[in-house]
N, C-alpha and C. Protein backbone atom coordinates (compact mmCIF):
# COMPACT_ATOMS: atom_id res chain seq x y z
N MET A 1 -77.48 -30.93 -34.39
CA MET A 1 -77.43 -31.92 -33.35
C MET A 1 -78.83 -32.49 -33.10
N LYS A 2 -79.83 -31.65 -33.29
CA LYS A 2 -81.21 -32.11 -33.09
C LYS A 2 -81.55 -33.23 -34.08
N GLU A 3 -81.18 -33.07 -35.34
CA GLU A 3 -81.46 -34.10 -36.35
C GLU A 3 -80.72 -35.39 -36.03
N LEU A 4 -79.49 -35.28 -35.55
CA LEU A 4 -78.72 -36.47 -35.17
C LEU A 4 -79.42 -37.19 -34.03
N ALA A 5 -79.84 -36.45 -33.02
CA ALA A 5 -80.55 -37.06 -31.89
C ALA A 5 -81.84 -37.74 -32.36
N LEU A 6 -82.61 -37.04 -33.16
CA LEU A 6 -83.88 -37.61 -33.62
C LEU A 6 -83.65 -38.79 -34.56
N GLY A 7 -82.57 -38.77 -35.32
CA GLY A 7 -82.22 -39.90 -36.17
C GLY A 7 -81.84 -41.12 -35.36
N LEU A 8 -81.07 -40.91 -34.29
CA LEU A 8 -80.73 -42.01 -33.38
C LEU A 8 -82.00 -42.62 -32.80
N GLU A 9 -82.88 -41.77 -32.33
CA GLU A 9 -84.14 -42.24 -31.75
C GLU A 9 -84.96 -43.00 -32.78
N LEU A 10 -85.08 -42.47 -33.96
CA LEU A 10 -85.86 -43.08 -35.04
C LEU A 10 -85.29 -44.43 -35.47
N SER A 11 -83.98 -44.60 -35.36
CA SER A 11 -83.33 -45.85 -35.79
C SER A 11 -83.70 -47.04 -34.90
N LYS A 12 -84.08 -46.76 -33.66
CA LYS A 12 -84.42 -47.81 -32.69
C LYS A 12 -83.23 -48.70 -32.35
N GLN A 13 -82.02 -48.27 -32.67
CA GLN A 13 -80.81 -49.04 -32.36
C GLN A 13 -80.24 -48.58 -31.02
N LYS A 14 -79.61 -49.49 -30.30
CA LYS A 14 -78.95 -49.15 -29.04
C LYS A 14 -77.79 -48.21 -29.34
N PHE A 15 -77.51 -47.29 -28.41
CA PHE A 15 -76.41 -46.36 -28.64
C PHE A 15 -75.79 -45.86 -27.35
N LEU A 16 -74.56 -45.43 -27.48
CA LEU A 16 -73.84 -44.64 -26.48
C LEU A 16 -73.41 -43.40 -27.25
N TRP A 17 -73.82 -42.23 -26.77
CA TRP A 17 -73.52 -40.99 -27.48
C TRP A 17 -72.79 -40.05 -26.55
N VAL A 18 -71.57 -39.73 -26.89
CA VAL A 18 -70.80 -38.74 -26.14
C VAL A 18 -71.08 -37.38 -26.77
N VAL A 19 -71.68 -36.50 -25.99
CA VAL A 19 -72.09 -35.18 -26.48
C VAL A 19 -71.23 -34.12 -25.81
N ARG A 20 -70.60 -33.31 -26.64
CA ARG A 20 -69.79 -32.20 -26.13
C ARG A 20 -70.40 -30.89 -26.59
N SER A 21 -70.21 -29.86 -25.80
CA SER A 21 -70.66 -28.53 -26.21
C SER A 21 -69.84 -28.08 -27.40
N PRO A 22 -70.47 -27.38 -28.35
CA PRO A 22 -69.70 -26.88 -29.49
C PRO A 22 -68.67 -25.86 -29.03
N ASN A 23 -67.56 -25.86 -29.71
CA ASN A 23 -66.49 -24.91 -29.44
C ASN A 23 -66.73 -23.68 -30.30
N ASN A 24 -66.97 -22.56 -29.68
CA ASN A 24 -67.26 -21.32 -30.40
C ASN A 24 -66.15 -20.93 -31.36
N GLU A 25 -64.94 -21.41 -31.11
CA GLU A 25 -63.79 -21.05 -31.93
C GLU A 25 -63.81 -21.78 -33.28
N LEU A 26 -64.53 -22.88 -33.36
CA LEU A 26 -64.52 -23.69 -34.57
C LEU A 26 -65.67 -23.31 -35.49
N ALA A 27 -65.45 -23.54 -36.75
CA ALA A 27 -66.46 -23.21 -37.76
C ALA A 27 -67.76 -23.95 -37.52
N GLN A 28 -67.68 -25.18 -37.03
CA GLN A 28 -68.89 -25.98 -36.84
C GLN A 28 -69.81 -25.38 -35.79
N ALA A 29 -69.29 -24.55 -34.90
CA ALA A 29 -70.13 -23.94 -33.88
C ALA A 29 -71.20 -23.05 -34.50
N ALA A 30 -70.99 -22.64 -35.73
CA ALA A 30 -71.97 -21.80 -36.42
C ALA A 30 -73.32 -22.52 -36.56
N TYR A 31 -73.30 -23.86 -36.58
CA TYR A 31 -74.55 -24.61 -36.67
C TYR A 31 -75.44 -24.36 -35.46
N PHE A 32 -74.83 -23.95 -34.37
CA PHE A 32 -75.57 -23.76 -33.12
C PHE A 32 -75.83 -22.29 -32.83
N SER A 33 -75.67 -21.43 -33.82
CA SER A 33 -75.76 -19.99 -33.60
C SER A 33 -77.13 -19.54 -33.11
N ASP A 34 -78.16 -20.33 -33.36
CA ASP A 34 -79.49 -19.93 -32.90
C ASP A 34 -79.74 -20.35 -31.46
N GLN A 35 -78.76 -21.00 -30.85
CA GLN A 35 -78.89 -21.44 -29.47
C GLN A 35 -77.82 -20.76 -28.62
N THR A 36 -78.09 -20.65 -27.36
CA THR A 36 -77.10 -20.08 -26.46
C THR A 36 -76.00 -21.11 -26.25
N LEU A 37 -74.77 -20.70 -26.48
CA LEU A 37 -73.65 -21.61 -26.26
C LEU A 37 -73.33 -21.61 -24.77
N ASP A 38 -73.72 -22.66 -24.09
CA ASP A 38 -73.39 -22.77 -22.68
C ASP A 38 -72.51 -23.99 -22.47
N ASN A 39 -72.22 -24.28 -21.23
CA ASN A 39 -71.31 -25.39 -20.94
C ASN A 39 -72.02 -26.72 -20.77
N ASN A 40 -73.34 -26.74 -20.89
CA ASN A 40 -74.08 -27.98 -20.72
C ASN A 40 -74.39 -28.57 -22.10
N PRO A 41 -73.65 -29.60 -22.50
CA PRO A 41 -73.88 -30.16 -23.83
C PRO A 41 -75.28 -30.75 -24.00
N LEU A 42 -75.92 -31.16 -22.90
CA LEU A 42 -77.25 -31.75 -22.99
C LEU A 42 -78.31 -30.72 -23.37
N SER A 43 -78.00 -29.44 -23.20
CA SER A 43 -78.97 -28.40 -23.55
C SER A 43 -79.21 -28.31 -25.06
N PHE A 44 -78.37 -28.96 -25.85
CA PHE A 44 -78.52 -28.93 -27.31
C PHE A 44 -79.40 -30.06 -27.83
N LEU A 45 -79.79 -30.96 -26.94
CA LEU A 45 -80.63 -32.09 -27.35
C LEU A 45 -82.10 -31.68 -27.40
N PRO A 46 -82.89 -32.38 -28.22
CA PRO A 46 -84.32 -32.07 -28.26
C PRO A 46 -84.97 -32.31 -26.90
N VAL A 47 -85.97 -31.52 -26.59
CA VAL A 47 -86.69 -31.66 -25.33
C VAL A 47 -87.27 -33.07 -25.23
N GLY A 48 -87.00 -33.74 -24.11
CA GLY A 48 -87.53 -35.07 -23.86
C GLY A 48 -86.72 -36.21 -24.46
N PHE A 49 -85.66 -35.91 -25.19
CA PHE A 49 -84.88 -36.95 -25.88
C PHE A 49 -84.31 -37.98 -24.91
N ILE A 50 -83.70 -37.52 -23.84
CA ILE A 50 -83.05 -38.45 -22.89
C ILE A 50 -84.10 -39.36 -22.25
N GLU A 51 -85.22 -38.80 -21.88
CA GLU A 51 -86.30 -39.61 -21.27
C GLU A 51 -86.85 -40.62 -22.28
N ARG A 52 -87.10 -40.17 -23.50
CA ARG A 52 -87.68 -41.07 -24.52
C ARG A 52 -86.73 -42.19 -24.92
N THR A 53 -85.43 -41.97 -24.82
CA THR A 53 -84.46 -42.97 -25.29
C THR A 53 -83.73 -43.68 -24.15
N LYS A 54 -84.22 -43.54 -22.92
CA LYS A 54 -83.48 -44.10 -21.78
C LYS A 54 -83.34 -45.62 -21.85
N GLU A 55 -84.26 -46.31 -22.52
CA GLU A 55 -84.14 -47.77 -22.69
C GLU A 55 -83.33 -48.13 -23.93
N GLN A 56 -83.12 -47.17 -24.79
CA GLN A 56 -82.45 -47.39 -26.07
C GLN A 56 -80.97 -47.02 -26.02
N GLY A 57 -80.66 -45.98 -25.25
CA GLY A 57 -79.28 -45.51 -25.28
C GLY A 57 -78.89 -44.73 -24.06
N LEU A 58 -77.63 -44.33 -24.07
CA LEU A 58 -77.05 -43.56 -22.99
C LEU A 58 -76.33 -42.37 -23.58
N VAL A 59 -76.64 -41.19 -23.05
CA VAL A 59 -75.97 -39.96 -23.47
C VAL A 59 -74.99 -39.58 -22.38
N VAL A 60 -73.74 -39.43 -22.77
CA VAL A 60 -72.67 -39.07 -21.83
C VAL A 60 -72.21 -37.66 -22.15
N PRO A 61 -72.34 -36.74 -21.19
CA PRO A 61 -71.86 -35.39 -21.47
C PRO A 61 -70.33 -35.31 -21.37
N SER A 62 -69.73 -34.69 -22.34
CA SER A 62 -68.31 -34.35 -22.32
C SER A 62 -67.36 -35.37 -22.89
N TRP A 63 -67.17 -36.51 -22.22
CA TRP A 63 -66.06 -37.37 -22.61
C TRP A 63 -66.32 -38.81 -22.18
N ALA A 64 -65.76 -39.75 -22.95
CA ALA A 64 -65.74 -41.17 -22.59
C ALA A 64 -64.44 -41.74 -23.14
N PRO A 65 -63.94 -42.81 -22.53
CA PRO A 65 -62.68 -43.41 -23.01
C PRO A 65 -62.91 -44.14 -24.34
N GLN A 66 -62.66 -43.45 -25.44
CA GLN A 66 -63.00 -43.95 -26.77
C GLN A 66 -62.42 -45.33 -27.06
N ALA A 67 -61.14 -45.53 -26.77
CA ALA A 67 -60.51 -46.82 -27.06
C ALA A 67 -61.20 -47.95 -26.30
N GLN A 68 -61.57 -47.70 -25.05
CA GLN A 68 -62.27 -48.72 -24.26
C GLN A 68 -63.66 -48.99 -24.82
N VAL A 69 -64.36 -47.95 -25.21
CA VAL A 69 -65.70 -48.12 -25.78
C VAL A 69 -65.61 -48.93 -27.06
N LEU A 70 -64.66 -48.59 -27.93
CA LEU A 70 -64.52 -49.31 -29.20
C LEU A 70 -64.12 -50.77 -29.00
N SER A 71 -63.42 -51.06 -27.92
CA SER A 71 -62.98 -52.44 -27.68
C SER A 71 -64.06 -53.29 -26.99
N HIS A 72 -65.15 -52.68 -26.57
CA HIS A 72 -66.20 -53.43 -25.88
C HIS A 72 -66.97 -54.31 -26.88
N ASP A 73 -67.30 -55.52 -26.45
CA ASP A 73 -67.98 -56.48 -27.32
C ASP A 73 -69.33 -56.00 -27.85
N SER A 74 -69.99 -55.12 -27.12
CA SER A 74 -71.31 -54.67 -27.56
C SER A 74 -71.26 -53.53 -28.57
N THR A 75 -70.08 -53.01 -28.85
CA THR A 75 -69.97 -51.91 -29.82
C THR A 75 -70.06 -52.47 -31.23
N GLY A 76 -71.05 -52.00 -31.98
CA GLY A 76 -71.27 -52.50 -33.34
C GLY A 76 -70.97 -51.51 -34.43
N GLY A 77 -70.78 -50.25 -34.06
CA GLY A 77 -70.50 -49.21 -35.04
C GLY A 77 -70.07 -47.94 -34.35
N PHE A 78 -69.51 -47.03 -35.13
CA PHE A 78 -68.95 -45.80 -34.58
C PHE A 78 -69.21 -44.66 -35.55
N LEU A 79 -70.02 -43.70 -35.13
CA LEU A 79 -70.21 -42.49 -35.93
C LEU A 79 -69.04 -41.57 -35.58
N SER A 80 -68.22 -41.28 -36.57
CA SER A 80 -66.96 -40.58 -36.32
C SER A 80 -66.73 -39.46 -37.31
N HIS A 81 -65.99 -38.46 -36.86
CA HIS A 81 -65.55 -37.38 -37.74
C HIS A 81 -64.42 -37.85 -38.66
N CYS A 82 -63.90 -39.04 -38.42
CA CYS A 82 -62.86 -39.67 -39.24
C CYS A 82 -61.50 -39.00 -39.11
N GLY A 83 -61.22 -38.48 -37.93
CA GLY A 83 -59.86 -38.04 -37.64
C GLY A 83 -58.96 -39.26 -37.64
N TRP A 84 -57.67 -39.04 -37.81
CA TRP A 84 -56.75 -40.16 -37.98
C TRP A 84 -56.75 -41.10 -36.78
N ASN A 85 -56.69 -40.56 -35.56
CA ASN A 85 -56.66 -41.43 -34.38
C ASN A 85 -57.94 -42.26 -34.26
N SER A 86 -59.08 -41.62 -34.45
CA SER A 86 -60.36 -42.35 -34.38
C SER A 86 -60.43 -43.43 -35.45
N THR A 87 -59.94 -43.12 -36.63
CA THR A 87 -59.94 -44.09 -37.73
C THR A 87 -59.07 -45.30 -37.37
N LEU A 88 -57.86 -45.04 -36.88
CA LEU A 88 -56.96 -46.14 -36.52
C LEU A 88 -57.53 -46.97 -35.37
N GLU A 89 -58.09 -46.31 -34.36
CA GLU A 89 -58.67 -47.05 -33.24
C GLU A 89 -59.82 -47.93 -33.70
N SER A 90 -60.61 -47.43 -34.61
CA SER A 90 -61.73 -48.21 -35.15
C SER A 90 -61.23 -49.43 -35.90
N ILE A 91 -60.24 -49.23 -36.75
CA ILE A 91 -59.67 -50.34 -37.53
C ILE A 91 -59.07 -51.38 -36.59
N MET A 92 -58.30 -50.94 -35.61
CA MET A 92 -57.65 -51.89 -34.70
C MET A 92 -58.65 -52.68 -33.87
N GLN A 93 -59.85 -52.15 -33.68
CA GLN A 93 -60.89 -52.88 -32.95
C GLN A 93 -61.88 -53.58 -33.87
N GLY A 94 -61.75 -53.35 -35.18
CA GLY A 94 -62.67 -53.98 -36.14
C GLY A 94 -64.07 -53.41 -36.10
N ILE A 95 -64.20 -52.13 -35.77
CA ILE A 95 -65.51 -51.49 -35.65
C ILE A 95 -65.79 -50.64 -36.88
N PRO A 96 -66.82 -50.98 -37.65
CA PRO A 96 -67.15 -50.19 -38.83
C PRO A 96 -67.67 -48.80 -38.45
N LEU A 97 -67.62 -47.91 -39.42
CA LEU A 97 -67.89 -46.51 -39.15
C LEU A 97 -69.07 -45.95 -39.93
N ILE A 98 -69.64 -44.92 -39.36
CA ILE A 98 -70.47 -43.98 -40.11
C ILE A 98 -69.63 -42.72 -40.18
N ALA A 99 -69.25 -42.35 -41.38
CA ALA A 99 -68.31 -41.25 -41.58
C ALA A 99 -69.05 -39.91 -41.61
N TRP A 100 -68.62 -39.01 -40.73
CA TRP A 100 -69.20 -37.68 -40.67
C TRP A 100 -68.06 -36.66 -40.55
N PRO A 101 -67.29 -36.49 -41.62
CA PRO A 101 -66.12 -35.60 -41.54
C PRO A 101 -66.51 -34.13 -41.40
N LEU A 102 -65.66 -33.38 -40.74
CA LEU A 102 -65.92 -31.96 -40.53
C LEU A 102 -64.93 -31.07 -41.29
N PHE A 103 -63.64 -31.36 -41.17
CA PHE A 103 -62.65 -30.51 -41.82
C PHE A 103 -61.31 -31.24 -41.92
N ALA A 104 -60.34 -30.57 -42.54
CA ALA A 104 -58.96 -31.05 -42.69
C ALA A 104 -58.93 -32.42 -43.36
N GLU A 105 -58.09 -33.32 -42.83
CA GLU A 105 -57.89 -34.63 -43.46
C GLU A 105 -59.09 -35.55 -43.29
N GLN A 106 -60.05 -35.16 -42.48
CA GLN A 106 -61.19 -36.02 -42.20
C GLN A 106 -61.99 -36.36 -43.46
N ARG A 107 -62.12 -35.43 -44.37
CA ARG A 107 -62.86 -35.71 -45.61
C ARG A 107 -62.15 -36.76 -46.45
N MET A 108 -60.84 -36.65 -46.54
CA MET A 108 -60.07 -37.64 -47.31
C MET A 108 -60.14 -39.01 -46.63
N ASN A 109 -60.02 -39.03 -45.31
CA ASN A 109 -60.14 -40.29 -44.58
C ASN A 109 -61.52 -40.92 -44.81
N ALA A 110 -62.57 -40.09 -44.77
CA ALA A 110 -63.93 -40.60 -44.99
C ALA A 110 -64.07 -41.19 -46.39
N LEU A 111 -63.49 -40.53 -47.36
CA LEU A 111 -63.54 -41.02 -48.74
C LEU A 111 -62.82 -42.37 -48.85
N LEU A 112 -61.66 -42.47 -48.25
CA LEU A 112 -60.89 -43.72 -48.25
C LEU A 112 -61.70 -44.84 -47.58
N LEU A 113 -62.30 -44.54 -46.44
CA LEU A 113 -63.05 -45.55 -45.69
C LEU A 113 -64.33 -46.00 -46.40
N THR A 114 -65.01 -45.07 -47.06
CA THR A 114 -66.28 -45.41 -47.71
C THR A 114 -66.11 -45.95 -49.12
N GLU A 115 -65.25 -45.32 -49.91
CA GLU A 115 -65.14 -45.67 -51.33
C GLU A 115 -64.09 -46.72 -51.63
N ASP A 116 -62.94 -46.65 -50.97
CA ASP A 116 -61.86 -47.58 -51.26
C ASP A 116 -61.92 -48.84 -50.39
N LEU A 117 -61.87 -48.64 -49.08
CA LEU A 117 -61.86 -49.79 -48.17
C LEU A 117 -63.25 -50.38 -47.95
N LYS A 118 -64.26 -49.57 -48.13
CA LYS A 118 -65.66 -49.99 -47.97
C LYS A 118 -65.92 -50.58 -46.57
N VAL A 119 -65.45 -49.83 -45.55
CA VAL A 119 -65.66 -50.22 -44.16
C VAL A 119 -66.47 -49.15 -43.42
N ALA A 120 -67.08 -48.25 -44.18
CA ALA A 120 -67.87 -47.18 -43.58
C ALA A 120 -69.01 -46.78 -44.51
N LEU A 121 -70.04 -46.23 -43.90
CA LEU A 121 -71.14 -45.62 -44.64
C LEU A 121 -71.10 -44.12 -44.39
N ARG A 122 -71.63 -43.36 -45.32
CA ARG A 122 -71.65 -41.91 -45.15
C ARG A 122 -73.06 -41.41 -45.46
N PRO A 123 -73.68 -40.72 -44.50
CA PRO A 123 -75.01 -40.19 -44.77
C PRO A 123 -74.97 -39.12 -45.86
N LYS A 124 -76.04 -39.04 -46.61
CA LYS A 124 -76.13 -38.08 -47.71
C LYS A 124 -76.94 -36.86 -47.27
N ALA A 125 -76.44 -35.70 -47.65
CA ALA A 125 -77.15 -34.45 -47.35
C ALA A 125 -78.33 -34.28 -48.31
N ASN A 126 -79.35 -33.59 -47.84
CA ASN A 126 -80.52 -33.32 -48.68
C ASN A 126 -80.28 -32.07 -49.54
N GLU A 127 -81.33 -31.61 -50.21
CA GLU A 127 -81.20 -30.46 -51.12
C GLU A 127 -80.83 -29.18 -50.38
N LYS A 128 -81.04 -29.13 -49.06
CA LYS A 128 -80.65 -27.97 -48.26
C LYS A 128 -79.24 -28.14 -47.69
N ASN A 129 -78.56 -29.20 -48.13
CA ASN A 129 -77.20 -29.52 -47.69
C ASN A 129 -77.15 -29.89 -46.20
N LEU A 130 -78.23 -30.48 -45.70
CA LEU A 130 -78.30 -30.95 -44.33
C LEU A 130 -78.58 -32.44 -44.34
N VAL A 131 -78.07 -33.12 -43.33
CA VAL A 131 -78.38 -34.54 -43.16
C VAL A 131 -79.56 -34.61 -42.19
N ASP A 132 -80.69 -35.10 -42.68
CA ASP A 132 -81.89 -35.10 -41.85
C ASP A 132 -82.02 -36.40 -41.06
N ARG A 133 -82.95 -36.39 -40.13
CA ARG A 133 -83.13 -37.52 -39.20
C ARG A 133 -83.44 -38.83 -39.92
N GLU A 134 -84.21 -38.77 -41.00
CA GLU A 134 -84.54 -39.99 -41.74
C GLU A 134 -83.29 -40.61 -42.35
N GLU A 135 -82.42 -39.78 -42.90
CA GLU A 135 -81.17 -40.28 -43.49
C GLU A 135 -80.27 -40.86 -42.41
N ILE A 136 -80.20 -40.19 -41.28
CA ILE A 136 -79.38 -40.68 -40.16
C ILE A 136 -79.90 -42.04 -39.70
N ALA A 137 -81.21 -42.15 -39.49
CA ALA A 137 -81.79 -43.43 -39.07
C ALA A 137 -81.53 -44.51 -40.10
N LYS A 138 -81.67 -44.18 -41.38
CA LYS A 138 -81.45 -45.16 -42.45
C LYS A 138 -80.02 -45.68 -42.44
N VAL A 139 -79.05 -44.79 -42.29
CA VAL A 139 -77.64 -45.20 -42.30
C VAL A 139 -77.31 -46.03 -41.06
N ILE A 140 -77.82 -45.62 -39.91
CA ILE A 140 -77.58 -46.39 -38.68
C ILE A 140 -78.14 -47.80 -38.82
N LYS A 141 -79.40 -47.91 -39.26
CA LYS A 141 -80.02 -49.23 -39.42
C LYS A 141 -79.28 -50.07 -40.46
N SER A 142 -78.86 -49.43 -41.53
CA SER A 142 -78.12 -50.15 -42.57
C SER A 142 -76.83 -50.74 -42.02
N LEU A 143 -76.11 -49.96 -41.23
CA LEU A 143 -74.85 -50.45 -40.65
C LEU A 143 -75.10 -51.53 -39.61
N MET A 144 -76.10 -51.36 -38.79
CA MET A 144 -76.28 -52.25 -37.66
C MET A 144 -77.05 -53.54 -37.99
N VAL A 145 -78.03 -53.46 -38.90
CA VAL A 145 -78.85 -54.65 -39.15
C VAL A 145 -79.08 -54.94 -40.63
N GLY A 146 -78.56 -54.12 -41.51
CA GLY A 146 -78.80 -54.31 -42.94
C GLY A 146 -77.77 -55.20 -43.61
N GLU A 147 -78.06 -55.59 -44.84
CA GLU A 147 -77.14 -56.43 -45.62
C GLU A 147 -75.83 -55.70 -45.90
N ASP A 148 -75.90 -54.40 -46.23
CA ASP A 148 -74.68 -53.62 -46.43
C ASP A 148 -73.83 -53.63 -45.17
N GLY A 149 -74.50 -53.51 -44.03
CA GLY A 149 -73.79 -53.52 -42.75
C GLY A 149 -73.06 -54.82 -42.50
N LYS A 150 -73.68 -55.94 -42.87
CA LYS A 150 -73.01 -57.25 -42.69
C LYS A 150 -71.73 -57.31 -43.52
N LYS A 151 -71.80 -56.82 -44.76
CA LYS A 151 -70.61 -56.82 -45.62
C LYS A 151 -69.54 -55.89 -45.06
N ILE A 152 -69.95 -54.75 -44.57
CA ILE A 152 -69.00 -53.78 -44.00
C ILE A 152 -68.35 -54.35 -42.75
N HIS A 153 -69.14 -54.99 -41.89
CA HIS A 153 -68.58 -55.62 -40.69
C HIS A 153 -67.54 -56.67 -41.07
N SER A 154 -67.84 -57.47 -42.08
CA SER A 154 -66.92 -58.51 -42.53
C SER A 154 -65.62 -57.90 -43.06
N ARG A 155 -65.74 -56.86 -43.89
CA ARG A 155 -64.54 -56.21 -44.43
C ARG A 155 -63.71 -55.56 -43.33
N MET A 156 -64.38 -54.99 -42.34
CA MET A 156 -63.64 -54.35 -41.25
C MET A 156 -62.91 -55.40 -40.42
N LYS A 157 -63.50 -56.56 -40.22
CA LYS A 157 -62.81 -57.64 -39.49
C LYS A 157 -61.56 -58.07 -40.26
N ASP A 158 -61.67 -58.17 -41.59
CA ASP A 158 -60.50 -58.51 -42.42
C ASP A 158 -59.43 -57.43 -42.31
N LEU A 159 -59.84 -56.18 -42.31
CA LEU A 159 -58.89 -55.07 -42.20
C LEU A 159 -58.21 -55.09 -40.83
N LYS A 160 -58.95 -55.42 -39.79
CA LYS A 160 -58.38 -55.54 -38.45
C LYS A 160 -57.30 -56.61 -38.42
N ILE A 161 -57.58 -57.75 -39.02
CA ILE A 161 -56.60 -58.85 -39.06
C ILE A 161 -55.35 -58.42 -39.82
N ALA A 162 -55.53 -57.74 -40.94
CA ALA A 162 -54.38 -57.26 -41.73
C ALA A 162 -53.56 -56.26 -40.93
N ALA A 163 -54.22 -55.37 -40.20
CA ALA A 163 -53.51 -54.38 -39.38
C ALA A 163 -52.75 -55.07 -38.25
N GLU A 164 -53.37 -56.06 -37.62
CA GLU A 164 -52.68 -56.80 -36.55
C GLU A 164 -51.44 -57.50 -37.08
N LYS A 165 -51.52 -58.09 -38.27
CA LYS A 165 -50.36 -58.74 -38.88
C LYS A 165 -49.26 -57.73 -39.16
N ALA A 166 -49.64 -56.57 -39.70
CA ALA A 166 -48.65 -55.54 -40.03
C ALA A 166 -47.93 -55.05 -38.78
N LEU A 167 -48.62 -55.04 -37.65
CA LEU A 167 -48.03 -54.53 -36.41
C LEU A 167 -47.43 -55.63 -35.53
N SER A 168 -47.52 -56.88 -35.97
CA SER A 168 -46.95 -57.99 -35.19
C SER A 168 -45.42 -57.88 -35.18
N PRO A 169 -44.74 -58.59 -34.29
CA PRO A 169 -43.28 -58.49 -34.20
C PRO A 169 -42.56 -58.73 -35.53
N ASN A 170 -43.09 -59.61 -36.38
CA ASN A 170 -42.46 -59.86 -37.68
C ASN A 170 -43.21 -59.20 -38.83
N GLY A 171 -44.14 -58.33 -38.51
CA GLY A 171 -44.94 -57.67 -39.54
C GLY A 171 -44.18 -56.58 -40.26
N PRO A 172 -44.64 -56.20 -41.45
CA PRO A 172 -43.93 -55.21 -42.26
C PRO A 172 -43.84 -53.83 -41.60
N SER A 173 -44.84 -53.43 -40.85
CA SER A 173 -44.79 -52.12 -40.20
C SER A 173 -43.73 -52.12 -39.11
N THR A 174 -43.70 -53.18 -38.31
CA THR A 174 -42.72 -53.29 -37.24
C THR A 174 -41.31 -53.37 -37.81
N LYS A 175 -41.13 -54.17 -38.87
CA LYS A 175 -39.82 -54.30 -39.51
C LYS A 175 -39.36 -52.97 -40.10
N ALA A 176 -40.25 -52.25 -40.76
CA ALA A 176 -39.89 -50.96 -41.37
C ALA A 176 -39.46 -49.96 -40.31
N LEU A 177 -40.16 -49.92 -39.18
CA LEU A 177 -39.79 -49.01 -38.11
C LEU A 177 -38.45 -49.42 -37.50
N ALA A 178 -38.22 -50.72 -37.32
CA ALA A 178 -36.94 -51.20 -36.80
C ALA A 178 -35.81 -50.87 -37.76
N ASP A 179 -36.05 -51.04 -39.07
CA ASP A 179 -35.03 -50.69 -40.07
C ASP A 179 -34.71 -49.21 -40.04
N LEU A 180 -35.71 -48.38 -39.91
CA LEU A 180 -35.50 -46.93 -39.85
C LEU A 180 -34.69 -46.56 -38.60
N ALA A 181 -35.05 -47.13 -37.46
CA ALA A 181 -34.31 -46.86 -36.22
C ALA A 181 -32.87 -47.32 -36.35
N SER A 182 -32.67 -48.48 -36.96
CA SER A 182 -31.31 -48.99 -37.17
C SER A 182 -30.52 -48.07 -38.09
N HIS A 183 -31.15 -47.60 -39.16
CA HIS A 183 -30.50 -46.68 -40.10
C HIS A 183 -30.07 -45.40 -39.39
N TRP A 184 -30.96 -44.83 -38.60
CA TRP A 184 -30.63 -43.59 -37.88
C TRP A 184 -29.52 -43.84 -36.86
N THR A 185 -29.58 -44.99 -36.18
CA THR A 185 -28.54 -45.31 -35.20
C THR A 185 -27.19 -45.44 -35.90
N ASN A 186 -27.15 -46.15 -37.03
CA ASN A 186 -25.90 -46.32 -37.78
C ASN A 186 -25.38 -44.99 -38.30
N GLN A 187 -26.26 -44.10 -38.75
CA GLN A 187 -25.84 -42.79 -39.25
C GLN A 187 -25.24 -41.95 -38.13
N SER A 188 -25.84 -42.01 -36.95
CA SER A 188 -25.33 -41.19 -35.85
C SER A 188 -24.03 -41.74 -35.30
N ASN A 189 -23.77 -43.03 -35.50
CA ASN A 189 -22.52 -43.64 -35.02
C ASN A 189 -21.38 -43.48 -36.02
N SER A 190 -21.66 -43.04 -37.25
CA SER A 190 -20.58 -42.94 -38.24
C SER A 190 -20.06 -41.54 -38.38
């Protein structure tokens, strides 16, 4: 978490960061084993981080309404674990991603988003298998102000339009769901 914080700071990009305490039950909590696991998520940030970045960003402990944040006009990117709901919310709002998968289907979703759809960037781990602050800053700047970021933003806007069409009243997703409901209704009536 320290490298992520320092990477955000180094990027000089505006941010909103929702920080939650690690869950001791999850494998990822092992990253924090050298720190006391308490209920204050801000205790995991580098000393002075909030003060140094107060003009650059806002750190929110615990929770924020993700769908509302993603729909806000000032949101330019989303660092996400690439869970299915987060991925869909991002697509529906046209917000490109920085993919940081942790487990389960998240890795496959990240691969789809970065390699196939090309609407996300993924930071690369160093020789110690860690993503360092310089890499984090580089990926954030690339997404927010770089040429790759412009292309990714454009592709994500196209994907948003395609998703909206699919979900429209006459779209293929809506029709397929209506057909399925009709099929089930007809089966139960016969």
